[in-house]
Protein backbone atom coordinates (compact mmCIF):
# COMPACT_ATOMS: atom_id res chain seq x y z
CA MET A 1 0.33 22.28 -24.28
CA ASN A 2 -2.48 19.76 -23.75
CA ARG A 3 -2.89 18.77 -20.12
CA GLY A 4 -5.81 16.36 -20.60
CA SER A 5 -9.46 16.80 -19.85
CA PRO A 6 -10.56 18.40 -16.57
CA ALA A 7 -12.69 15.32 -15.80
CA LEU A 8 -9.72 12.97 -16.19
CA THR A 9 -7.50 15.23 -14.14
CA GLY A 10 -10.13 15.38 -11.39
CA PHE A 11 -10.50 11.60 -11.41
CA CYS A 12 -6.74 11.12 -11.08
CA LEU A 13 -6.53 13.56 -8.18
CA LEU A 14 -9.42 11.85 -6.38
CA TRP A 15 -7.81 8.42 -6.91
CA LEU A 16 -4.52 9.65 -5.49
CA ALA A 17 -6.26 11.25 -2.53
CA GLY A 18 -8.07 8.00 -1.80
CA CYS A 19 -4.90 5.96 -2.10
CA ALA A 20 -2.99 8.31 0.15
CA ALA A 21 -5.81 8.27 2.68
CA MET A 22 -5.43 4.55 3.42
CA SER A 23 -4.63 4.27 7.09
CA ALA A 24 -2.14 1.95 8.75
CA ALA A 25 -5.13 -0.14 9.86
CA THR A 26 -6.26 -0.53 6.24
CA LEU A 27 -2.73 -1.49 5.19
CA ARG A 28 -2.58 -4.09 7.99
CA GLN A 29 -5.93 -5.49 6.86
CA ALA A 30 -4.75 -5.69 3.24
CA SER A 31 -1.45 -7.26 4.31
CA ALA A 32 -3.20 -9.89 6.43
CA ARG A 33 -4.36 -11.63 3.25
CA THR A 34 -0.79 -12.75 2.50
CA VAL A 35 1.28 -12.18 5.67
CA PRO A 36 0.95 -15.05 8.17
CA CYS A 37 0.59 -12.83 11.22
CA PRO A 38 -2.31 -11.32 13.20
CA GLU A 39 -3.14 -7.75 12.14
CA ALA A 40 -2.77 -6.55 15.73
CA GLU A 41 0.92 -7.56 15.72
CA MET A 42 1.79 -5.92 12.39
CA VAL A 43 3.88 -2.75 12.28
CA ILE A 44 3.66 -0.71 9.05
CA SER A 45 6.66 1.31 7.86
CA ASN A 46 8.25 2.69 4.67
CA ASP A 47 4.81 3.61 3.27
CA GLU A 48 5.29 5.16 -0.19
CA VAL A 49 2.56 6.35 -2.56
CA ALA A 50 3.03 7.00 -6.28
CA ALA A 51 0.61 7.67 -9.14
CA THR A 52 -0.19 4.02 -9.87
CA TRP A 53 1.09 2.02 -6.92
CA ARG A 54 1.69 1.98 -3.19
CA THR A 55 4.34 0.04 -1.28
CA TRP A 56 4.95 -0.52 2.42
CA THR A 57 6.84 -2.79 4.78
CA VAL A 58 5.22 -5.04 7.39
CA THR A 59 7.20 -6.25 10.39
CA CYS A 60 5.74 -8.92 12.61
CA ARG A 61 7.31 -11.45 14.97
CA SER A 62 10.83 -10.52 13.82
CA LEU A 63 9.92 -11.15 10.16
CA THR A 64 9.73 -8.46 7.48
CA TYR A 65 7.55 -8.42 4.35
CA ASP A 66 7.47 -6.01 1.42
CA CYS A 67 3.93 -5.28 0.23
CA ARG A 68 2.55 -3.60 -2.88
CA THR A 69 -0.83 -2.65 -4.33
CA THR A 70 -1.94 -0.91 -7.48
CA THR A 71 -5.55 -0.23 -6.51
CA LYS A 72 -7.18 2.42 -4.36
CA TYR A 73 -8.70 -0.14 -1.99
CA ALA A 74 -5.67 -2.48 -1.85
CA THR A 75 -7.67 -5.39 -3.24
CA ASP A 76 -4.70 -6.65 -5.25
CA THR A 77 -2.16 -6.50 -2.43
CA THR A 78 0.81 -8.82 -2.61
CA CYS A 79 3.39 -9.29 0.12
CA ALA A 80 6.60 -11.28 0.04
CA PRO A 81 9.38 -11.88 2.55
CA ALA A 82 11.78 -8.97 2.36
CA PRO A 83 15.37 -9.64 1.38
CA ASP A 84 17.90 -9.33 4.18
CA ARG A 85 18.74 -5.69 4.75
CA PRO A 86 22.02 -4.41 6.19
């Protein structure tokens, strides 16, 4: 069974560790690019990390946004108003 090269495996593990290490402050900063709310008022929840993406929810001033990134440093973050939830 071929599990890939050790270098590639190490790179993937480092990328995941970096992605998982993003703090709530970093997620607020990334979200601020598309959420019309001051970072200090943002509350981060539902933070989920997978192999190639990360998603989280931002709540601010009674509004909720779903955010997503596919990069370690959240440079491609997109956020959109969340659909109504029961």
